[in-house]
Amino acid sequence: GPVDLVRHSGLVGRTSILFIAPGERFDLGWGPDSSLRVHRKVELL
């Protein structure tokens, strides 16, 4: 189901998870870092 993402500044976004068993490791995505920029270029030779 859905997951609310809360940090020191409060609610920062929402994501979702699948079934997570007791003791199971799982990942959460917290959105982009505002101080980092990325540019990707593909050149077909």
PDB file of all heavy atoms in Angstrom:
ATOM      1  N   GLY A   1       0.809  -1.208   0.000  1.00  0.00           N
ATOM      2  CA  GLY A   1       0.000   0.000   0.000  1.00  0.00           C
ATOM      3  C   GLY A   1       0.843   1.259   0.000  1.00  0.00           C
ATOM      4  O   GLY A   1       2.071   1.206  -0.114  1.00  0.00           O
ATOM      5  N   PRO A   2       0.198   2.418   0.144  1.00  0.00           N
ATOM      6  CA  PRO A   2       0.902   3.708   0.092  1.00  0.00           C
ATOM      7  C   PRO A   2       1.713   3.969   1.351  1.00  0.00           C
ATOM      8  O   PRO A   2       1.419   3.433   2.431  1.00  0.00           O
ATOM      9  CB  PRO A   2      -0.241   4.716  -0.058  1.00  0.00           C
ATOM     10  CG  PRO A   2      -1.413   4.039   0.582  1.00  0.00           C
ATOM     11  CD  PRO A   2      -1.256   2.580   0.278  1.00  0.00           C
ATOM     12  N   VAL A   3       2.739   4.802   1.211  1.00  0.00           N
ATOM     13  CA  VAL A   3       3.620   5.180   2.318  1.00  0.00           C
ATOM     14  C   VAL A   3       3.806   6.690   2.289  1.00  0.00           C
ATOM     15  O   VAL A   3       4.130   7.266   1.240  1.00  0.00           O
ATOM     16  CB  VAL A   3       4.998   4.486   2.200  1.00  0.00           C
ATOM     17  CG1 VAL A   3       5.941   4.975   3.298  1.00  0.00           C
ATOM     18  CG2 VAL A   3       4.841   2.977   2.266  1.00  0.00           C
ATOM     19  N   ASP A   4       3.586   7.349   3.425  1.00  0.00           N
ATOM     20  CA  ASP A   4       3.896   8.774   3.563  1.00  0.00           C
ATOM     21  C   ASP A   4       5.366   8.913   3.981  1.00  0.00           C
ATOM     22  O   ASP A   4       5.817   8.235   4.909  1.00  0.00           O
ATOM     23  CB  ASP A   4       3.008   9.429   4.616  1.00  0.00           C
ATOM     24  CG  ASP A   4       1.567   9.573   4.148  1.00  0.00           C
ATOM     25  OD1 ASP A   4       1.333   9.450   2.934  1.00  0.00           O
ATOM     26  OD2 ASP A   4       0.688   9.803   4.997  1.00  0.00           O
ATOM     27  N   LEU A   5       6.082   9.801   3.329  1.00  0.00           N
ATOM     28  CA  LEU A   5       7.493  10.026   3.625  1.00  0.00           C
ATOM     29  C   LEU A   5       7.623  11.308   4.437  1.00  0.00           C
ATOM     30  O   LEU A   5       7.270  12.399   3.966  1.00  0.00           O
ATOM     31  CB  LEU A   5       8.293  10.147   2.323  1.00  0.00           C
ATOM     32  CG  LEU A   5       8.218   8.925   1.399  1.00  0.00           C
ATOM     33  CD1 LEU A   5       8.881   9.237   0.060  1.00  0.00           C
ATOM     34  CD2 LEU A   5       8.884   7.713   2.050  1.00  0.00           C
ATOM     35  N   VAL A   6       8.124  11.184   5.674  1.00  0.00           N
ATOM     36  CA  VAL A   6       8.214  12.320   6.592  1.00  0.00           C
ATOM     37  C   VAL A   6       9.658  12.475   7.040  1.00  0.00           C
ATOM     38  O   VAL A   6      10.284  11.519   7.509  1.00  0.00           O
ATOM     39  CB  VAL A   6       7.299  12.119   7.822  1.00  0.00           C
ATOM     40  CG1 VAL A   6       7.403  13.309   8.754  1.00  0.00           C
ATOM     41  CG2 VAL A   6       5.854  11.904   7.381  1.00  0.00           C
ATOM     42  N   ARG A   7      10.192  13.676   6.877  1.00  0.00           N
ATOM     43  CA  ARG A   7      11.540  14.004   7.370  1.00  0.00           C
ATOM     44  C   ARG A   7      11.417  15.144   8.375  1.00  0.00           C
ATOM     45  O   ARG A   7      10.326  15.494   8.825  1.00  0.00           O
ATOM     46  CB  ARG A   7      12.451  14.379   6.202  1.00  0.00           C
ATOM     47  CG  ARG A   7      12.582  13.260   5.158  1.00  0.00           C
ATOM     48  CD  ARG A   7      13.563  13.605   4.069  1.00  0.00           C
ATOM     49  NE  ARG A   7      14.933  13.636   4.576  1.00  0.00           N
ATOM     50  CZ  ARG A   7      15.997  13.928   3.824  1.00  0.00           C
ATOM     51  NH1 ARG A   7      15.837  14.210   2.536  1.00  0.00           N
ATOM     52  NH2 ARG A   7      17.207  13.931   4.344  1.00  0.00           N
ATOM     53  N   HIS A   8      12.556  15.748   8.716  1.00  0.00           N
ATOM     54  CA  HIS A   8      12.547  16.809   9.732  1.00  0.00           C
ATOM     55  C   HIS A   8      11.651  17.980   9.328  1.00  0.00           C
ATOM     56  O   HIS A   8      11.066  18.646  10.180  1.00  0.00           O
ATOM     57  CB  HIS A   8      13.980  17.303   9.962  1.00  0.00           C
ATOM     58  CG  HIS A   8      14.903  16.251  10.497  1.00  0.00           C
ATOM     59  ND1 HIS A   8      14.707  15.626  11.711  1.00  0.00           N
ATOM     60  CD2 HIS A   8      16.019  15.688   9.961  1.00  0.00           C
ATOM     61  CE1 HIS A   8      15.675  14.736  11.922  1.00  0.00           C
ATOM     62  NE2 HIS A   8      16.477  14.750  10.869  1.00  0.00           N
ATOM     63  N   SER A   9      11.553  18.231   8.020  1.00  0.00           N
ATOM     64  CA  SER A   9      10.751  19.356   7.549  1.00  0.00           C
ATOM     65  C   SER A   9       9.276  19.012   7.432  1.00  0.00           C
ATOM     66  O   SER A   9       8.470  19.860   7.081  1.00  0.00           O
ATOM     67  CB  SER A   9      11.268  19.816   6.179  1.00  0.00           C
ATOM     68  OG  SER A   9      11.240  18.749   5.246  1.00  0.00           O
ATOM     69  N   GLY A  10       8.911  17.752   7.701  1.00  0.00           N
ATOM     70  CA  GLY A  10       7.530  17.322   7.593  1.00  0.00           C
ATOM     71  C   GLY A  10       7.331  16.379   6.423  1.00  0.00           C
ATOM     72  O   GLY A  10       8.261  15.698   5.984  1.00  0.00           O
ATOM     73  N   LEU A  11       6.120  16.341   5.901  1.00  0.00           N
ATOM     74  CA  LEU A  11       5.796  15.467   4.782  1.00  0.00           C
ATOM     75  C   LEU A  11       6.539  15.930   3.533  1.00  0.00           C
ATOM     76  O   LEU A  11       6.402  17.078   3.110  1.00  0.00           O
ATOM     77  CB  LEU A  11       4.288  15.463   4.539  1.00  0.00           C
ATOM     78  CG  LEU A  11       3.797  14.562   3.401  1.00  0.00           C
ATOM     79  CD1 LEU A  11       3.963  13.087   3.777  1.00  0.00           C
ATOM     80  CD2 LEU A  11       2.322  14.844   3.099  1.00  0.00           C
ATOM     81  N   VAL A  12       7.319  15.021   2.918  1.00  0.00           N
ATOM     82  CA  VAL A  12       8.103  15.378   1.734  1.00  0.00           C
ATOM     83  C   VAL A  12       7.637  14.634   0.486  1.00  0.00           C
ATOM     84  O   VAL A  12       8.137  14.890  -0.611  1.00  0.00           O
ATOM     85  CB  VAL A  12       9.605  15.113   1.964  1.00  0.00           C
ATOM     86  CG1 VAL A  12      10.142  15.995   3.077  1.00  0.00           C
ATOM     87  CG2 VAL A  12       9.862  13.644   2.263  1.00  0.00           C
ATOM     88  N   GLY A  13       6.705  13.702   0.638  1.00  0.00           N
ATOM     89  CA  GLY A  13       6.229  12.986  -0.536  1.00  0.00           C
ATOM     90  C   GLY A  13       5.561  11.682  -0.150  1.00  0.00           C
ATOM     91  O   GLY A  13       5.399  11.369   1.035  1.00  0.00           O
ATOM     92  N   ARG A  14       5.201  10.932  -1.178  1.00  0.00           N
ATOM     93  CA  ARG A  14       4.554   9.635  -0.970  1.00  0.00           C
ATOM     94  C   ARG A  14       5.137   8.615  -1.927  1.00  0.00           C
ATOM     95  O   ARG A  14       5.553   8.950  -3.028  1.00  0.00           O
ATOM     96  CB  ARG A  14       3.035   9.741  -1.168  1.00  0.00           C
ATOM     97  CG  ARG A  14       2.324  10.530  -0.087  1.00  0.00           C
ATOM     98  CD  ARG A  14       0.818  10.554  -0.302  1.00  0.00           C
ATOM     99  NE  ARG A  14       0.116  11.158   0.833  1.00  0.00           N
ATOM    100  CZ  ARG A  14      -0.089  12.458   0.953  1.00  0.00           C
ATOM    101  NH1 ARG A  14       0.333  13.287   0.011  1.00  0.00           N
ATOM    102  NH2 ARG A  14      -0.727  12.931   2.022  1.00  0.00           N
ATOM    103  N   THR A  15       5.152   7.362  -1.491  1.00  0.00           N
ATOM    104  CA  THR A  15       5.574   6.258  -2.329  1.00  0.00           C
ATOM    105  C   THR A  15       4.701   5.058  -1.976  1.00  0.00           C
ATOM    106  O   THR A  15       3.632   5.223  -1.386  1.00  0.00           O
ATOM    107  CB  THR A  15       7.079   5.955  -2.122  1.00  0.00           C
ATOM    108  OG1 THR A  15       7.489   4.941  -3.045  1.00  0.00           O
ATOM    109  CG2 THR A  15       7.374   5.489  -0.705  1.00  0.00           C
ATOM    110  N   SER A  16       5.129   3.866  -2.349  1.00  0.00           N
ATOM    111  CA  SER A  16       4.343   2.674  -2.029  1.00  0.00           C
ATOM    112  C   SER A  16       5.287   1.501  -1.813  1.00  0.00           C
ATOM    113  O   SER A  16       6.445   1.521  -2.242  1.00  0.00           O
ATOM    114  CB  SER A  16       3.346   2.354  -3.143  1.00  0.00           C
ATOM    115  OG  SER A  16       4.027   2.068  -4.356  1.00  0.00           O
ATOM    116  N   ILE A  17       4.797   0.471  -1.143  1.00  0.00           N
ATOM    117  CA  ILE A  17       5.571  -0.741  -0.909  1.00  0.00           C
ATOM    118  C   ILE A  17       4.717  -1.951  -1.277  1.00  0.00           C
ATOM    119  O   ILE A  17       3.490  -1.854  -1.371  1.00  0.00           O
ATOM    120  CB  ILE A  17       6.020  -0.874   0.568  1.00  0.00           C
ATOM    121  CG1 ILE A  17       4.790  -0.868   1.500  1.00  0.00           C
ATOM    122  CG2 ILE A  17       7.003   0.210   0.944  1.00  0.00           C
ATOM    123  CD1 ILE A  17       5.126  -1.182   2.947  1.00  0.00           C
ATOM    124  N   LEU A  18       5.382  -3.077  -1.486  1.00  0.00           N
ATOM    125  CA  LEU A  18       4.705  -4.354  -1.619  1.00  0.00           C
ATOM    126  C   LEU A  18       4.685  -5.027  -0.251  1.00  0.00           C
ATOM    127  O   LEU A  18       5.081  -4.425   0.753  1.00  0.00           O
ATOM    128  CB  LEU A  18       5.432  -5.219  -2.661  1.00  0.00           C
ATOM    129  CG  LEU A  18       5.482  -4.641  -4.077  1.00  0.00           C
ATOM    130  CD1 LEU A  18       6.300  -5.552  -4.994  1.00  0.00           C
ATOM    131  CD2 LEU A  18       4.085  -4.422  -4.642  1.00  0.00           C
ATOM    132  N   PHE A  19       4.234  -6.256  -0.183  1.00  0.00           N
ATOM    133  CA  PHE A  19       4.190  -6.981   1.089  1.00  0.00           C
ATOM    134  C   PHE A  19       5.609  -7.138   1.626  1.00  0.00           C
ATOM    135  O   PHE A  19       6.511  -7.614   0.927  1.00  0.00           O
ATOM    136  CB  PHE A  19       3.550  -8.356   0.857  1.00  0.00           C
ATOM    137  CG  PHE A  19       3.430  -9.189   2.107  1.00  0.00           C
ATOM    138  CD1 PHE A  19       2.287  -9.139   2.880  1.00  0.00           C
ATOM    139  CD2 PHE A  19       4.469 -10.031   2.500  1.00  0.00           C
ATOM    140  CE1 PHE A  19       2.171  -9.919   4.021  1.00  0.00           C
ATOM    141  CE2 PHE A  19       4.366 -10.802   3.645  1.00  0.00           C
ATOM    142  CZ  PHE A  19       3.217 -10.745   4.409  1.00  0.00           C
ATOM    143  N   ILE A  20       5.833  -6.707   2.879  1.00  0.00           N
ATOM    144  CA  ILE A  20       7.147  -6.800   3.523  1.00  0.00           C
ATOM    145  C   ILE A  20       7.009  -7.691   4.755  1.00  0.00           C
ATOM    146  O   ILE A  20       6.323  -7.338   5.720  1.00  0.00           O
ATOM    147  CB  ILE A  20       7.682  -5.414   3.950  1.00  0.00           C
ATOM    148  CG1 ILE A  20       7.649  -4.424   2.775  1.00  0.00           C
ATOM    149  CG2 ILE A  20       9.087  -5.557   4.511  1.00  0.00           C
ATOM    150  CD1 ILE A  20       8.536  -4.794   1.625  1.00  0.00           C
ATOM    151  N   ALA A  21       7.671  -8.830   4.733  1.00  0.00           N
ATOM    152  CA  ALA A  21       7.574  -9.771   5.847  1.00  0.00           C
ATOM    153  C   ALA A  21       8.396  -9.278   7.036  1.00  0.00           C
ATOM    154  O   ALA A  21       9.306  -8.464   6.879  1.00  0.00           O
ATOM    155  CB  ALA A  21       8.072 -11.151   5.402  1.00  0.00           C
ATOM    156  N   PRO A  22       8.112  -9.759   8.259  1.00  0.00           N
ATOM    157  CA  PRO A  22       8.943  -9.414   9.418  1.00  0.00           C
ATOM    158  C   PRO A  22      10.397  -9.812   9.171  1.00  0.00           C
ATOM    159  O   PRO A  22      10.684 -10.913   8.699  1.00  0.00           O
ATOM    160  CB  PRO A  22       8.320 -10.231  10.558  1.00  0.00           C
ATOM    161  CG  PRO A  22       6.910 -10.469  10.133  1.00  0.00           C
ATOM    162  CD  PRO A  22       6.948 -10.602   8.641  1.00  0.00           C
ATOM    163  N   GLY A  23      11.308  -8.891   9.456  1.00  0.00           N
ATOM    164  CA  GLY A  23      12.729  -9.164   9.259  1.00  0.00           C
ATOM    165  C   GLY A  23      13.214  -8.949   7.843  1.00  0.00           C
ATOM    166  O   GLY A  23      14.417  -9.084   7.572  1.00  0.00           O
ATOM    167  N   GLU A  24      12.332  -8.597   6.927  1.00  0.00           N
ATOM    168  CA  GLU A  24      12.729  -8.411   5.521  1.00  0.00           C
ATOM    169  C   GLU A  24      13.273  -7.006   5.301  1.00  0.00           C
ATOM    170  O   GLU A  24      12.766  -6.024   5.844  1.00  0.00           O
ATOM    171  CB  GLU A  24      11.532  -8.655   4.601  1.00  0.00           C
ATOM    172  CG  GLU A  24      11.872  -8.536   3.116  1.00  0.00           C
ATOM    173  CD  GLU A  24      10.677  -8.817   2.235  1.00  0.00           C
ATOM    174  OE1 GLU A  24       9.620  -9.248   2.767  1.00  0.00           O
ATOM    175  OE2 GLU A  24      10.783  -8.617   1.006  1.00  0.00           O
ATOM    176  N   ARG A  25      14.316  -6.914   4.485  1.00  0.00           N
ATOM    177  CA  ARG A  25      14.891  -5.616   4.123  1.00  0.00           C
ATOM    178  C   ARG A  25      14.125  -5.034   2.937  1.00  0.00           C
ATOM    179  O   ARG A  25      13.764  -5.753   2.013  1.00  0.00           O
ATOM    180  CB  ARG A  25      16.369  -5.788   3.763  1.00  0.00           C
ATOM    181  CG  ARG A  25      17.106  -4.475   3.503  1.00  0.00           C
ATOM    182  CD  ARG A  25      18.570  -4.720   3.276  1.00  0.00           C
ATOM    183  NE  ARG A  25      18.794  -5.545   2.090  1.00  0.00           N
ATOM    184  CZ  ARG A  25      20.008  -5.866   1.649  1.00  0.00           C
ATOM    185  NH1 ARG A  25      21.074  -5.490   2.321  1.00  0.00           N
ATOM    186  NH2 ARG A  25      20.136  -6.605   0.557  1.00  0.00           N
ATOM    187  N   PHE A  26      13.905  -3.724   2.953  1.00  0.00           N
ATOM    188  CA  PHE A  26      13.187  -3.086   1.857  1.00  0.00           C
ATOM    189  C   PHE A  26      13.724  -1.680   1.629  1.00  0.00           C
ATOM    190  O   PHE A  26      14.367  -1.092   2.500  1.00  0.00           O
ATOM    191  CB  PHE A  26      11.678  -3.059   2.126  1.00  0.00           C
ATOM    192  CG  PHE A  26      11.272  -2.234   3.326  1.00  0.00           C
ATOM    193  CD1 PHE A  26      10.756  -0.958   3.174  1.00  0.00           C
ATOM    194  CD2 PHE A  26      11.386  -2.746   4.616  1.00  0.00           C
ATOM    195  CE1 PHE A  26      10.373  -0.205   4.271  1.00  0.00           C
ATOM    196  CE2 PHE A  26      11.003  -2.007   5.725  1.00  0.00           C
ATOM    197  CZ  PHE A  26      10.493  -0.728   5.555  1.00  0.00           C
ATOM    198  N   ASP A  27      13.472  -1.159   0.429  1.00  0.00           N
ATOM    199  CA  ASP A  27      13.962   0.159   0.034  1.00  0.00           C
ATOM    200  C   ASP A  27      12.815   1.154  -0.038  1.00  0.00           C
ATOM    201  O   ASP A  27      11.676   0.799  -0.342  1.00  0.00           O
ATOM    202  CB  ASP A  27      14.649   0.101  -1.332  1.00  0.00           C
ATOM    203  CG  ASP A  27      15.928  -0.721  -1.315  1.00  0.00           C
ATOM    204  OD1 ASP A  27      16.374  -1.081  -0.208  1.00  0.00           O
ATOM    205  OD2 ASP A  27      16.468  -0.997  -2.403  1.00  0.00           O
ATOM    206  N   LEU A  28      13.146   2.422   0.201  1.00  0.00           N
ATOM    207  CA  LEU A  28      12.220   3.528   0.003  1.00  0.00           C
ATOM    208  C   LEU A  28      12.927   4.622  -0.787  1.00  0.00           C
ATOM    209  O   LEU A  28      14.095   4.933  -0.524  1.00  0.00           O
ATOM    210  CB  LEU A  28      11.729   4.094   1.338  1.00  0.00           C
ATOM    211  CG  LEU A  28      10.817   3.216   2.198  1.00  0.00           C
ATOM    212  CD1 LEU A  28      10.572   3.881   3.545  1.00  0.00           C
ATOM    213  CD2 LEU A  28       9.497   2.940   1.492  1.00  0.00           C
ATOM    214  N   GLY A  29      12.238   5.198  -1.754  1.00  0.00           N
ATOM    215  CA  GLY A  29      12.770   6.330  -2.501  1.00  0.00           C
ATOM    216  C   GLY A  29      12.231   7.632  -1.945  1.00  0.00           C
ATOM    217  O   GLY A  29      11.017   7.771  -1.736  1.00  0.00           O
ATOM    218  N   TRP A  30      13.134   8.594  -1.704  1.00  0.00           N
ATOM    219  CA  TRP A  30      12.761   9.847  -1.043  1.00  0.00           C
ATOM    220  C   TRP A  30      12.788  11.044  -1.988  1.00  0.00           C
ATOM    221  O   TRP A  30      12.769  12.187  -1.549  1.00  0.00           O
ATOM    222  CB  TRP A  30      13.677  10.099   0.150  1.00  0.00           C
ATOM    223  CG  TRP A  30      13.484   9.098   1.242  1.00  0.00           C
ATOM    224  CD1 TRP A  30      13.945   7.813   1.285  1.00  0.00           C
ATOM    225  CD2 TRP A  30      12.746   9.282   2.454  1.00  0.00           C
ATOM    226  NE1 TRP A  30      13.547   7.187   2.431  1.00  0.00           N
ATOM    227  CE2 TRP A  30      12.817   8.064   3.184  1.00  0.00           C
ATOM    228  CE3 TRP A  30      12.047  10.362   2.997  1.00  0.00           C
ATOM    229  CZ2 TRP A  30      12.203   7.901   4.404  1.00  0.00           C
ATOM    230  CZ3 TRP A  30      11.445  10.195   4.222  1.00  0.00           C
ATOM    231  CH2 TRP A  30      11.524   8.973   4.919  1.00  0.00           C
ATOM    232  N   GLY A  31      12.846  10.791  -3.270  1.00  0.00           N
ATOM    233  CA  GLY A  31      12.794  11.887  -4.235  1.00  0.00           C
ATOM    234  C   GLY A  31      14.166  12.441  -4.565  1.00  0.00           C
ATOM    235  O   GLY A  31      15.193  12.012  -4.021  1.00  0.00           O
ATOM    236  N   PRO A  32      14.220  13.412  -5.481  1.00  0.00           N
ATOM    237  CA  PRO A  32      15.505  13.952  -5.954  1.00  0.00           C
ATOM    238  C   PRO A  32      16.171  14.870  -4.941  1.00  0.00           C
ATOM    239  O   PRO A  32      15.508  15.544  -4.151  1.00  0.00           O
ATOM    240  CB  PRO A  32      15.103  14.715  -7.218  1.00  0.00           C
ATOM    241  CG  PRO A  32      13.670  15.087  -6.998  1.00  0.00           C
ATOM    242  CD  PRO A  32      13.062  13.972  -6.199  1.00  0.00           C
ATOM    243  N   ASP A  33      17.499  14.898  -5.002  1.00  0.00           N
ATOM    244  CA  ASP A  33      18.295  15.830  -4.205  1.00  0.00           C
ATOM    245  C   ASP A  33      18.366  17.152  -4.969  1.00  0.00           C
ATOM    246  O   ASP A  33      18.867  17.208  -6.093  1.00  0.00           O
ATOM    247  CB  ASP A  33      19.699  15.267  -3.979  1.00  0.00           C
ATOM    248  CG  ASP A  33      20.495  16.079  -2.977  1.00  0.00           C
ATOM    249  OD1 ASP A  33      20.632  17.307  -3.176  1.00  0.00           O
ATOM    250  OD2 ASP A  33      20.997  15.503  -1.995  1.00  0.00           O
ATOM    251  N   SER A  34      17.889  18.216  -4.353  1.00  0.00           N
ATOM    252  CA  SER A  34      17.767  19.504  -5.052  1.00  0.00           C
ATOM    253  C   SER A  34      19.111  20.156  -5.353  1.00  0.00           C
ATOM    254  O   SER A  34      19.176  21.053  -6.204  1.00  0.00           O
ATOM    255  CB  SER A  34      16.900  20.465  -4.222  1.00  0.00           C
ATOM    256  OG  SER A  34      17.480  20.685  -2.943  1.00  0.00           O
ATOM    257  N   SER A  35      20.174  19.735  -4.693  1.00  0.00           N
ATOM    258  CA  SER A  35      21.483  20.361  -4.915  1.00  0.00           C
ATOM    259  C   SER A  35      22.305  19.663  -5.998  1.00  0.00           C
ATOM    260  O   SER A  35      23.404  20.116  -6.319  1.00  0.00           O
ATOM    261  CB  SER A  35      22.288  20.382  -3.608  1.00  0.00           C
ATOM    262  OG  SER A  35      22.565  19.066  -3.172  1.00  0.00           O
ATOM    263  N   LEU A  36      21.785  18.583  -6.565  1.00  0.00           N
ATOM    264  CA  LEU A  36      22.530  17.830  -7.574  1.00  0.00           C
ATOM    265  C   LEU A  36      21.810  17.883  -8.912  1.00  0.00           C
ATOM    266  O   LEU A  36      20.594  17.727  -8.971  1.00  0.00           O
ATOM    267  CB  LEU A  36      22.709  16.375  -7.120  1.00  0.00           C
ATOM    268  CG  LEU A  36      23.470  16.186  -5.800  1.00  0.00           C
ATOM    269  CD1 LEU A  36      23.450  14.722  -5.382  1.00  0.00           C
ATOM    270  CD2 LEU A  36      24.900  16.686  -5.928  1.00  0.00           C
ATOM    271  N   ARG A  37      22.574  18.098  -9.976  1.00  0.00           N
ATOM    272  CA  ARG A  37      22.025  18.187 -11.322  1.00  0.00           C
ATOM    273  C   ARG A  37      22.641  17.101 -12.196  1.00  0.00           C
ATOM    274  O   ARG A  37      23.809  16.757 -12.050  1.00  0.00           O
ATOM    275  CB  ARG A  37      22.311  19.557 -11.932  1.00  0.00           C
ATOM    276  CG  ARG A  37      21.634  20.704 -11.207  1.00  0.00           C
ATOM    277  CD  ARG A  37      20.127  20.699 -11.437  1.00  0.00           C
ATOM    278  NE  ARG A  37      19.493  21.873 -10.855  1.00  0.00           N
ATOM    279  CZ  ARG A  37      19.025  21.940  -9.630  1.00  0.00           C
ATOM    280  NH1 ARG A  37      19.126  20.875  -8.839  1.00  0.00           N
ATOM    281  NH2 ARG A  37      18.469  23.035  -9.168  1.00  0.00           N
ATOM    282  N   VAL A  38      21.824  16.578 -13.131  1.00  0.00           N
ATOM    283  CA  VAL A  38      22.261  15.503 -14.025  1.00  0.00           C
ATOM    284  C   VAL A  38      21.851  15.855 -15.451  1.00  0.00           C
ATOM    285  O   VAL A  38      20.727  16.324 -15.685  1.00  0.00           O
ATOM    286  CB  VAL A  38      21.631  14.150 -13.641  1.00  0.00           C
ATOM    287  CG1 VAL A  38      22.133  13.044 -14.571  1.00  0.00           C
ATOM    288  CG2 VAL A  38      21.926  13.807 -12.195  1.00  0.00           C
ATOM    289  N   HIS A  39      22.775  15.628 -16.385  1.00  0.00           N
ATOM    290  CA  HIS A  39      22.450  15.787 -17.808  1.00  0.00           C
ATOM    291  C   HIS A  39      22.991  14.577 -18.560  1.00  0.00           C
ATOM    292  O   HIS A  39      24.163  14.230 -18.421  1.00  0.00           O
ATOM    293  CB  HIS A  39      23.067  17.061 -18.379  1.00  0.00           C
ATOM    294  CG  HIS A  39      22.829  17.230 -19.849  1.00  0.00           C
ATOM    295  ND1 HIS A  39      21.591  17.508 -20.385  1.00  0.00           N
ATOM    296  CD2 HIS A  39      23.679  17.126 -20.909  1.00  0.00           C
ATOM    297  CE1 HIS A  39      21.679  17.585 -21.698  1.00  0.00           C
ATOM    298  NE2 HIS A  39      22.935  17.355 -22.044  1.00  0.00           N
ATOM    299  N   ARG A  40      22.127  13.939 -19.337  1.00  0.00           N
ATOM    300  CA  ARG A  40      22.508  12.745 -20.108  1.00  0.00           C
ATOM    301  C   ARG A  40      22.350  13.020 -21.595  1.00  0.00           C
ATOM    302  O   ARG A  40      21.325  13.540 -22.038  1.00  0.00           O
ATOM    303  CB  ARG A  40      21.631  11.555 -19.704  1.00  0.00           C
ATOM    304  CG  ARG A  40      21.942  10.253 -20.443  1.00  0.00           C
ATOM    305  CD  ARG A  40      21.028   9.146 -19.924  1.00  0.00           C
ATOM    306  NE  ARG A  40      21.373   7.832 -20.464  1.00  0.00           N
ATOM    307  CZ  ARG A  40      20.800   7.290 -21.541  1.00  0.00           C
ATOM    308  NH1 ARG A  40      19.850   7.967 -22.195  1.00  0.00           N
ATOM    309  NH2 ARG A  40      21.152   6.094 -21.959  1.00  0.00           N
ATOM    310  N   LYS A  41      23.372  12.647 -22.362  1.00  0.00           N
ATOM    311  CA  LYS A  41      23.356  12.850 -23.812  1.00  0.00           C
ATOM    312  C   LYS A  41      23.708  11.547 -24.496  1.00  0.00           C
ATOM    313  O   LYS A  41      24.692  10.895 -24.157  1.00  0.00           O
ATOM    314  CB  LYS A  41      24.367  13.933 -24.205  1.00  0.00           C
ATOM    315  CG  LYS A  41      24.486  14.152 -25.710  1.00  0.00           C
ATOM    316  CD  LYS A  41      25.564  15.174 -26.026  1.00  0.00           C
ATOM    317  CE  LYS A  41      25.743  15.336 -27.527  1.00  0.00           C
ATOM    318  NZ  LYS A  41      26.834  16.291 -27.846  1.00  0.00           N
ATOM    319  N   VAL A  42      22.878  11.147 -25.474  1.00  0.00           N
ATOM    320  CA  VAL A  42      23.121   9.941 -26.264  1.00  0.00           C
ATOM    321  C   VAL A  42      23.471  10.357 -27.681  1.00  0.00           C
ATOM    322  O   VAL A  42      22.714  11.088 -28.330  1.00  0.00           O
ATOM    323  CB  VAL A  42      21.884   9.019 -26.276  1.00  0.00           C
ATOM    324  CG1 VAL A  42      22.165   7.771 -27.111  1.00  0.00           C
ATOM    325  CG2 VAL A  42      21.491   8.641 -24.857  1.00  0.00           C
ATOM    326  N   GLU A  43      24.612   9.893 -28.147  1.00  0.00           N
ATOM    327  CA  GLU A  43      25.074  10.207 -29.500  1.00  0.00           C
ATOM    328  C   GLU A  43      25.098   8.930 -30.328  1.00  0.00           C
ATOM    329  O   GLU A  43      25.857   8.000 -30.030  1.00  0.00           O
ATOM    330  CB  GLU A  43      26.465  10.840 -29.444  1.00  0.00           C
ATOM    331  CG  GLU A  43      26.969  11.312 -30.796  1.00  0.00           C
ATOM    332  CD  GLU A  43      28.336  11.981 -30.708  1.00  0.00           C
ATOM    333  OE1 GLU A  43      28.879  12.049 -29.577  1.00  0.00           O
ATOM    334  OE2 GLU A  43      28.844  12.424 -31.745  1.00  0.00           O
ATOM    335  N   LEU A  44      24.261   8.866 -31.363  1.00  0.00           N
ATOM    336  CA  LEU A  44      24.238   7.724 -32.265  1.00  0.00           C
ATOM    337  C   LEU A  44      25.246   7.993 -33.380  1.00  0.00           C
ATOM    338  O   LEU A  44      25.017   8.843 -34.242  1.00  0.00           O
ATOM    339  CB  LEU A  44      22.827   7.517 -32.835  1.00  0.00           C
ATOM    340  CG  LEU A  44      21.722   7.286 -31.803  1.00  0.00           C
ATOM    341  CD1 LEU A  44      20.376   7.132 -32.501  1.00  0.00           C
ATOM    342  CD2 LEU A  44      22.030   6.071 -30.949  1.00  0.00           C
ATOM    343  N   LEU A  45      26.359   7.275 -33.359  1.00  0.00           N
ATOM    344  CA  LEU A  45      27.431   7.501 -34.322  1.00  0.00           C
ATOM    345  C   LEU A  45      27.092   6.860 -35.658  1.00  0.00           C
ATOM    346  O   LEU A  45      26.165   6.053 -35.789  1.00  0.00           O
ATOM    347  CB  LEU A  45      28.739   6.953 -33.762  1.00  0.00           C
ATOM    348  CG  LEU A  45      29.132   7.489 -32.373  1.00  0.00           C
ATOM    349  CD1 LEU A  45      30.427   6.863 -31.904  1.00  0.00           C
ATOM    350  CD2 LEU A  45      29.245   9.009 -32.390  1.00  0.00           C
TER     351      LEU A  45
END
